[in-house]
Structures are given as C-alpha cells and as structure tokens.
Amino acid sequence: MKLIKSFAFAITGIKTCFAIEINFKIHLCCAMIVTTIGLVCNISATEWMIVISCIAFVTAMEMMNTAIEKLCDMVSKDFHPTIKIIKDVASGAVLLAAIGSLIIGAIIFIPKVFVLIKSL
C-alpha cells in the first residue's frame, strides 16, 4: 500500500508540474515532436534508448528546477541574493540538459533527415 501511495504522489507531482509550469509543457511538446520524427525516420533501438533518456533527463531536470523554485519562494518572498543564485543554478542545469539533448538529437536525426530528403 505504501508503494502505491508513493506512485500516486509521484503522478500527482507530474500532473502538478504540467498544470503550473509552461516550460514543462514546452519540453513535453518537443518530446512529442522528437518522437514523431523518430518514428518517421525509423531510428534504431539504441537511438530510441538515447532519445528516451534525453527526454526523461530534461523533463526530470525541469521538475527539479520547479521544485527548487517553489521551495525558494516558500522560504522567502523577498529578493535574496543567495536565493537568486540557487534559482539561477537550477535553471542553468535545465538549460545544460536541454542543450546536450539538442546536440544528441542533431547527431541522431540530421543524417536521417538528409537521407529522407534525398529519397524524395
């Protein structure tokens, strides 16, 4: 029963992040686009594992960033230089994950898109 409650809390966290965080919605929209391109390009099982790992990593980082921001907002509503650093670093972590995933996506998809274009 405790395990089921843990999963329920986790699912609620995902739903909450989706409801309140526009960047999370953007990441999920990008994930759907990448998934569609992956299906069209018929990427390999290994490439799917890499793509899914990137999607999971970026969305998880966005959720952690949201959690950190909400915690900081709860600690202090006023401007605090240390809280600014915390929020900026958490946001930077998401950006690094997204840039890394974009580069990985380019390595996987650009050659396949060129092949598709040539075949038309």
N, C-alpha and C. Protein backbone atom coordinates (compact mmCIF):
# COMPACT_ATOMS: atom_id res chain seq x y z
N MET A 1 0.82 -1.20 0.00
CA MET A 1 0.00 0.00 0.00
C MET A 1 0.87 1.26 0.00
N LYS A 2 1.98 1.22 0.74
CA LYS A 2 2.87 2.37 0.80
C LYS A 2 3.48 2.65 -0.57
N LEU A 3 3.82 1.59 -1.31
CA LEU A 3 4.38 1.73 -2.64
C LEU A 3 3.37 2.38 -3.59
N ILE A 4 2.12 1.96 -3.51
CA ILE A 4 1.07 2.52 -4.36
C ILE A 4 0.89 4.01 -4.06
N LYS A 5 0.93 4.38 -2.78
CA LYS A 5 0.82 5.79 -2.41
C LYS A 5 2.01 6.59 -2.95
N SER A 6 3.18 6.00 -2.93
CA SER A 6 4.37 6.68 -3.46
C SER A 6 4.20 6.97 -4.95
N PHE A 7 3.70 5.99 -5.69
CA PHE A 7 3.45 6.21 -7.12
C PHE A 7 2.38 7.27 -7.33
N ALA A 8 1.34 7.25 -6.51
CA ALA A 8 0.27 8.25 -6.62
C ALA A 8 0.82 9.65 -6.38
N PHE A 9 1.69 9.80 -5.37
CA PHE A 9 2.30 11.11 -5.10
C PHE A 9 3.16 11.56 -6.29
N ALA A 10 3.91 10.63 -6.86
CA ALA A 10 4.77 10.95 -8.00
C ALA A 10 3.95 11.38 -9.21
N ILE A 11 2.87 10.68 -9.48
CA ILE A 11 1.99 11.03 -10.60
C ILE A 11 1.35 12.40 -10.35
N THR A 12 0.96 12.66 -9.11
CA THR A 12 0.42 13.97 -8.77
C THR A 12 1.46 15.06 -9.02
N GLY A 13 2.72 14.77 -8.71
CA GLY A 13 3.78 15.73 -8.95
C GLY A 13 3.94 16.04 -10.42
N ILE A 14 3.86 15.02 -11.26
CA ILE A 14 3.95 15.23 -12.71
C ILE A 14 2.76 16.06 -13.19
N LYS A 15 1.57 15.72 -12.75
CA LYS A 15 0.37 16.47 -13.14
C LYS A 15 0.46 17.93 -12.68
N THR A 16 0.95 18.14 -11.47
CA THR A 16 1.07 19.50 -10.94
C THR A 16 2.07 20.30 -11.76
N CYS A 17 3.20 19.71 -12.07
CA CYS A 17 4.21 20.40 -12.87
C CYS A 17 3.63 20.76 -14.23
N PHE A 18 2.89 19.85 -14.82
CA PHE A 18 2.26 20.11 -16.11
C PHE A 18 1.26 21.26 -16.01
N ALA A 19 0.53 21.31 -14.91
CA ALA A 19 -0.51 22.33 -14.74
C ALA A 19 0.06 23.72 -14.50
N ILE A 20 1.21 23.81 -13.82
CA ILE A 20 1.69 25.13 -13.39
C ILE A 20 2.93 25.63 -14.13
N GLU A 21 3.59 24.76 -14.87
CA GLU A 21 4.89 25.14 -15.43
C GLU A 21 4.86 25.12 -16.96
N ILE A 22 4.90 26.29 -17.58
CA ILE A 22 4.86 26.39 -19.04
C ILE A 22 6.07 25.71 -19.68
N ASN A 23 7.25 25.84 -19.06
CA ASN A 23 8.45 25.21 -19.63
C ASN A 23 8.33 23.70 -19.68
N PHE A 24 7.65 23.11 -18.70
CA PHE A 24 7.43 21.67 -18.69
C PHE A 24 6.57 21.28 -19.90
N LYS A 25 5.55 22.08 -20.16
CA LYS A 25 4.69 21.82 -21.33
C LYS A 25 5.50 21.95 -22.62
N ILE A 26 6.38 22.92 -22.68
CA ILE A 26 7.22 23.10 -23.87
C ILE A 26 8.12 21.88 -24.06
N HIS A 27 8.73 21.41 -22.98
CA HIS A 27 9.59 20.22 -23.08
C HIS A 27 8.79 19.00 -23.55
N LEU A 28 7.57 18.84 -23.03
CA LEU A 28 6.75 17.70 -23.46
C LEU A 28 6.33 17.83 -24.92
N CYS A 29 6.06 19.05 -25.36
CA CYS A 29 5.72 19.28 -26.77
C CYS A 29 6.91 18.92 -27.66
N CYS A 30 8.10 19.34 -27.27
CA CYS A 30 9.32 18.98 -28.00
C CYS A 30 9.50 17.47 -28.02
N ALA A 31 9.21 16.83 -26.90
CA ALA A 31 9.34 15.37 -26.82
C ALA A 31 8.40 14.68 -27.80
N MET A 32 7.19 15.21 -27.94
CA MET A 32 6.24 14.62 -28.90
C MET A 32 6.72 14.82 -30.33
N ILE A 33 7.29 15.98 -30.62
CA ILE A 33 7.82 16.25 -31.96
C ILE A 33 8.98 15.30 -32.27
N VAL A 34 9.90 15.16 -31.31
CA VAL A 34 11.05 14.27 -31.49
C VAL A 34 10.60 12.83 -31.66
N THR A 35 9.60 12.42 -30.90
CA THR A 35 9.08 11.06 -31.00
C THR A 35 8.48 10.83 -32.40
N THR A 36 7.76 11.80 -32.88
CA THR A 36 7.18 11.70 -34.23
C THR A 36 8.27 11.60 -35.29
N ILE A 37 9.28 12.44 -35.16
CA ILE A 37 10.40 12.40 -36.12
C ILE A 37 11.13 11.05 -36.02
N GLY A 38 11.28 10.55 -34.80
CA GLY A 38 11.91 9.25 -34.61
C GLY A 38 11.15 8.13 -35.30
N LEU A 39 9.82 8.20 -35.24
CA LEU A 39 9.00 7.20 -35.92
C LEU A 39 9.12 7.31 -37.44
N VAL A 40 9.10 8.55 -37.93
CA VAL A 40 9.21 8.78 -39.38
C VAL A 40 10.58 8.33 -39.89
N CYS A 41 11.62 8.63 -39.11
CA CYS A 41 12.99 8.29 -39.53
C CYS A 41 13.37 6.86 -39.21
N ASN A 42 12.48 6.14 -38.52
CA ASN A 42 12.74 4.74 -38.18
C ASN A 42 14.08 4.56 -37.48
N ILE A 43 14.28 5.30 -36.38
CA ILE A 43 15.55 5.21 -35.66
C ILE A 43 15.69 3.84 -34.99
N SER A 44 16.91 3.46 -34.72
CA SER A 44 17.21 2.13 -34.17
C SER A 44 16.81 2.06 -32.69
N ALA A 45 16.82 0.84 -32.16
CA ALA A 45 16.51 0.64 -30.74
C ALA A 45 17.50 1.39 -29.85
N THR A 46 18.75 1.37 -30.22
CA THR A 46 19.77 2.09 -29.44
C THR A 46 19.50 3.59 -29.48
N GLU A 47 19.17 4.10 -30.66
CA GLU A 47 18.85 5.52 -30.78
C GLU A 47 17.61 5.88 -29.97
N TRP A 48 16.61 4.99 -29.95
CA TRP A 48 15.42 5.22 -29.12
C TRP A 48 15.80 5.30 -27.65
N MET A 49 16.68 4.42 -27.22
CA MET A 49 17.09 4.45 -25.80
C MET A 49 17.76 5.78 -25.47
N ILE A 50 18.57 6.27 -26.37
CA ILE A 50 19.25 7.54 -26.15
C ILE A 50 18.25 8.69 -26.15
N VAL A 51 17.34 8.70 -27.12
CA VAL A 51 16.33 9.76 -27.21
C VAL A 51 15.43 9.76 -25.98
N ILE A 52 14.96 8.58 -25.58
CA ILE A 52 14.10 8.49 -24.40
C ILE A 52 14.85 8.93 -23.14
N SER A 53 16.11 8.57 -23.04
CA SER A 53 16.92 9.02 -21.89
C SER A 53 17.04 10.54 -21.86
N CYS A 54 17.25 11.13 -23.03
CA CYS A 54 17.34 12.60 -23.10
C CYS A 54 16.02 13.25 -22.69
N ILE A 55 14.92 12.72 -23.19
CA ILE A 55 13.60 13.27 -22.85
C ILE A 55 13.36 13.15 -21.35
N ALA A 56 13.64 11.99 -20.79
CA ALA A 56 13.44 11.78 -19.36
C ALA A 56 14.33 12.71 -18.53
N PHE A 57 15.58 12.86 -18.96
CA PHE A 57 16.52 13.70 -18.23
C PHE A 57 16.10 15.17 -18.23
N VAL A 58 15.73 15.68 -19.39
CA VAL A 58 15.35 17.10 -19.48
C VAL A 58 14.07 17.36 -18.69
N THR A 59 13.07 16.49 -18.84
CA THR A 59 11.82 16.72 -18.12
C THR A 59 12.01 16.56 -16.61
N ALA A 60 12.83 15.61 -16.20
CA ALA A 60 13.12 15.45 -14.77
C ALA A 60 13.86 16.67 -14.22
N MET A 61 14.81 17.19 -14.99
CA MET A 61 15.53 18.40 -14.56
C MET A 61 14.57 19.58 -14.45
N GLU A 62 13.64 19.69 -15.37
CA GLU A 62 12.64 20.77 -15.30
C GLU A 62 11.79 20.64 -14.04
N MET A 63 11.43 19.42 -13.70
CA MET A 63 10.64 19.20 -12.48
C MET A 63 11.46 19.54 -11.23
N MET A 64 12.74 19.17 -11.22
CA MET A 64 13.59 19.52 -10.08
C MET A 64 13.74 21.04 -9.97
N ASN A 65 13.90 21.71 -11.11
CA ASN A 65 14.00 23.16 -11.12
C ASN A 65 12.74 23.78 -10.54
N THR A 66 11.59 23.28 -10.94
CA THR A 66 10.32 23.78 -10.43
C THR A 66 10.23 23.58 -8.92
N ALA A 67 10.62 22.40 -8.45
CA ALA A 67 10.58 22.11 -7.01
C ALA A 67 11.50 23.06 -6.25
N ILE A 68 12.70 23.29 -6.77
CA ILE A 68 13.65 24.19 -6.11
C ILE A 68 13.11 25.61 -6.09
N GLU A 69 12.54 26.06 -7.20
CA GLU A 69 11.97 27.41 -7.25
C GLU A 69 10.83 27.57 -6.25
N LYS A 70 9.95 26.60 -6.17
CA LYS A 70 8.82 26.67 -5.23
C LYS A 70 9.31 26.67 -3.79
N LEU A 71 10.33 25.86 -3.49
CA LEU A 71 10.89 25.84 -2.15
C LEU A 71 11.51 27.19 -1.80
N CYS A 72 12.26 27.75 -2.74
CA CYS A 72 12.86 29.07 -2.51
C CYS A 72 11.79 30.14 -2.28
N ASP A 73 10.71 30.08 -3.07
CA ASP A 73 9.63 31.05 -2.91
C ASP A 73 8.95 30.90 -1.55
N MET A 74 8.90 29.69 -1.05
CA MET A 74 8.30 29.46 0.26
C MET A 74 9.20 29.99 1.37
N VAL A 75 10.50 29.86 1.20
CA VAL A 75 11.46 30.32 2.20
C VAL A 75 11.45 31.84 2.32
N SER A 76 11.40 32.52 1.16
CA SER A 76 11.42 33.98 1.19
C SER A 76 10.72 34.55 -0.04
N LYS A 77 9.75 35.39 0.19
CA LYS A 77 9.07 36.08 -0.92
C LYS A 77 9.89 37.28 -1.38
N ASP A 78 10.72 37.79 -0.49
CA ASP A 78 11.54 38.95 -0.80
C ASP A 78 12.77 38.53 -1.58
N PHE A 79 13.36 39.52 -2.28
CA PHE A 79 14.59 39.23 -3.00
C PHE A 79 15.70 38.89 -2.02
N HIS A 80 16.42 37.83 -2.33
CA HIS A 80 17.57 37.44 -1.52
C HIS A 80 18.66 37.00 -2.50
N PRO A 81 19.87 37.54 -2.40
CA PRO A 81 20.91 37.20 -3.38
C PRO A 81 21.26 35.72 -3.43
N THR A 82 21.22 35.04 -2.30
CA THR A 82 21.54 33.61 -2.31
C THR A 82 20.43 32.80 -2.99
N ILE A 83 19.18 33.19 -2.76
CA ILE A 83 18.07 32.50 -3.42
C ILE A 83 18.14 32.73 -4.94
N LYS A 84 18.55 33.92 -5.35
CA LYS A 84 18.73 34.18 -6.79
C LYS A 84 19.77 33.23 -7.37
N ILE A 85 20.87 33.04 -6.66
CA ILE A 85 21.91 32.13 -7.14
C ILE A 85 21.36 30.71 -7.24
N ILE A 86 20.63 30.27 -6.22
CA ILE A 86 20.05 28.92 -6.22
C ILE A 86 19.13 28.74 -7.42
N LYS A 87 18.25 29.70 -7.64
CA LYS A 87 17.31 29.60 -8.76
C LYS A 87 18.04 29.64 -10.11
N ASP A 88 19.03 30.51 -10.23
CA ASP A 88 19.78 30.61 -11.48
C ASP A 88 20.55 29.33 -11.78
N VAL A 89 21.15 28.74 -10.77
CA VAL A 89 21.91 27.50 -10.96
C VAL A 89 20.96 26.36 -11.36
N ALA A 90 19.81 26.26 -10.71
CA ALA A 90 18.84 25.21 -11.05
C ALA A 90 18.34 25.40 -12.48
N SER A 91 18.08 26.64 -12.86
CA SER A 91 17.64 26.93 -14.21
C SER A 91 18.75 26.62 -15.22
N GLY A 92 19.98 26.93 -14.87
CA GLY A 92 21.12 26.62 -15.73
C GLY A 92 21.28 25.13 -15.94
N ALA A 93 20.98 24.34 -14.92
CA ALA A 93 21.07 22.89 -15.06
C ALA A 93 20.10 22.38 -16.11
N VAL A 94 18.89 22.94 -16.13
CA VAL A 94 17.91 22.55 -17.15
C VAL A 94 18.41 22.95 -18.53
N LEU A 95 18.96 24.16 -18.63
CA LEU A 95 19.47 24.62 -19.92
C LEU A 95 20.58 23.71 -20.43
N LEU A 96 21.51 23.32 -19.57
CA LEU A 96 22.58 22.41 -19.99
C LEU A 96 22.03 21.07 -20.46
N ALA A 97 21.05 20.55 -19.73
CA ALA A 97 20.43 19.28 -20.13
C ALA A 97 19.75 19.42 -21.49
N ALA A 98 19.07 20.54 -21.71
CA ALA A 98 18.37 20.77 -22.98
C ALA A 98 19.36 20.94 -24.13
N ILE A 99 20.43 21.69 -23.90
CA ILE A 99 21.44 21.88 -24.96
C ILE A 99 22.12 20.55 -25.29
N GLY A 100 22.48 19.78 -24.28
CA GLY A 100 23.08 18.46 -24.51
C GLY A 100 22.14 17.56 -25.30
N SER A 101 20.87 17.58 -24.95
CA SER A 101 19.89 16.76 -25.65
C SER A 101 19.70 17.23 -27.09
N LEU A 102 19.74 18.54 -27.29
CA LEU A 102 19.62 19.09 -28.64
C LEU A 102 20.79 18.63 -29.52
N ILE A 103 21.98 18.64 -28.96
CA ILE A 103 23.16 18.19 -29.70
C ILE A 103 23.05 16.70 -30.02
N ILE A 104 22.65 15.91 -29.04
CA ILE A 104 22.46 14.47 -29.27
C ILE A 104 21.41 14.24 -30.35
N GLY A 105 20.31 14.99 -30.26
CA GLY A 105 19.25 14.88 -31.27
C GLY A 105 19.76 15.21 -32.67
N ALA A 106 20.59 16.25 -32.75
CA ALA A 106 21.15 16.64 -34.05
C ALA A 106 22.03 15.52 -34.61
N ILE A 107 22.83 14.92 -33.74
CA ILE A 107 23.71 13.83 -34.19
C ILE A 107 22.90 12.65 -34.71
N ILE A 108 21.78 12.36 -34.04
CA ILE A 108 20.95 11.22 -34.44
C ILE A 108 20.11 11.55 -35.67
N PHE A 109 19.48 12.73 -35.68
CA PHE A 109 18.45 13.00 -36.68
C PHE A 109 18.92 13.68 -37.96
N ILE A 110 19.91 14.52 -37.91
CA ILE A 110 20.31 15.26 -39.13
C ILE A 110 20.69 14.32 -40.27
N PRO A 111 21.51 13.31 -40.04
CA PRO A 111 21.82 12.40 -41.17
C PRO A 111 20.58 11.69 -41.71
N LYS A 112 19.66 11.33 -40.83
CA LYS A 112 18.46 10.61 -41.26
C LYS A 112 17.52 11.53 -42.04
N VAL A 113 17.44 12.78 -41.65
CA VAL A 113 16.60 13.74 -42.36
C VAL A 113 17.16 13.98 -43.77
N PHE A 114 18.50 14.08 -43.88
CA PHE A 114 19.12 14.25 -45.20
C PHE A 114 18.82 13.05 -46.10
N VAL A 115 18.85 11.86 -45.55
CA VAL A 115 18.51 10.65 -46.33
C VAL A 115 17.06 10.72 -46.79
N LEU A 116 16.17 11.13 -45.89
CA LEU A 116 14.75 11.25 -46.26
C LEU A 116 14.55 12.27 -47.37
N ILE A 117 15.23 13.40 -47.26
CA ILE A 117 15.11 14.46 -48.27
C ILE A 117 15.62 13.96 -49.62
N LYS A 118 16.77 13.26 -49.61
CA LYS A 118 17.33 12.74 -50.86
C LYS A 118 16.42 11.73 -51.52
N SER A 119 15.69 10.95 -50.71
CA SER A 119 14.81 9.93 -51.26
C SER A 119 13.55 10.51 -51.87
N LEU A 120 13.26 11.76 -51.59
CA LEU A 120 12.06 12.41 -52.16
C LEU A 120 12.39 12.89 -53.51
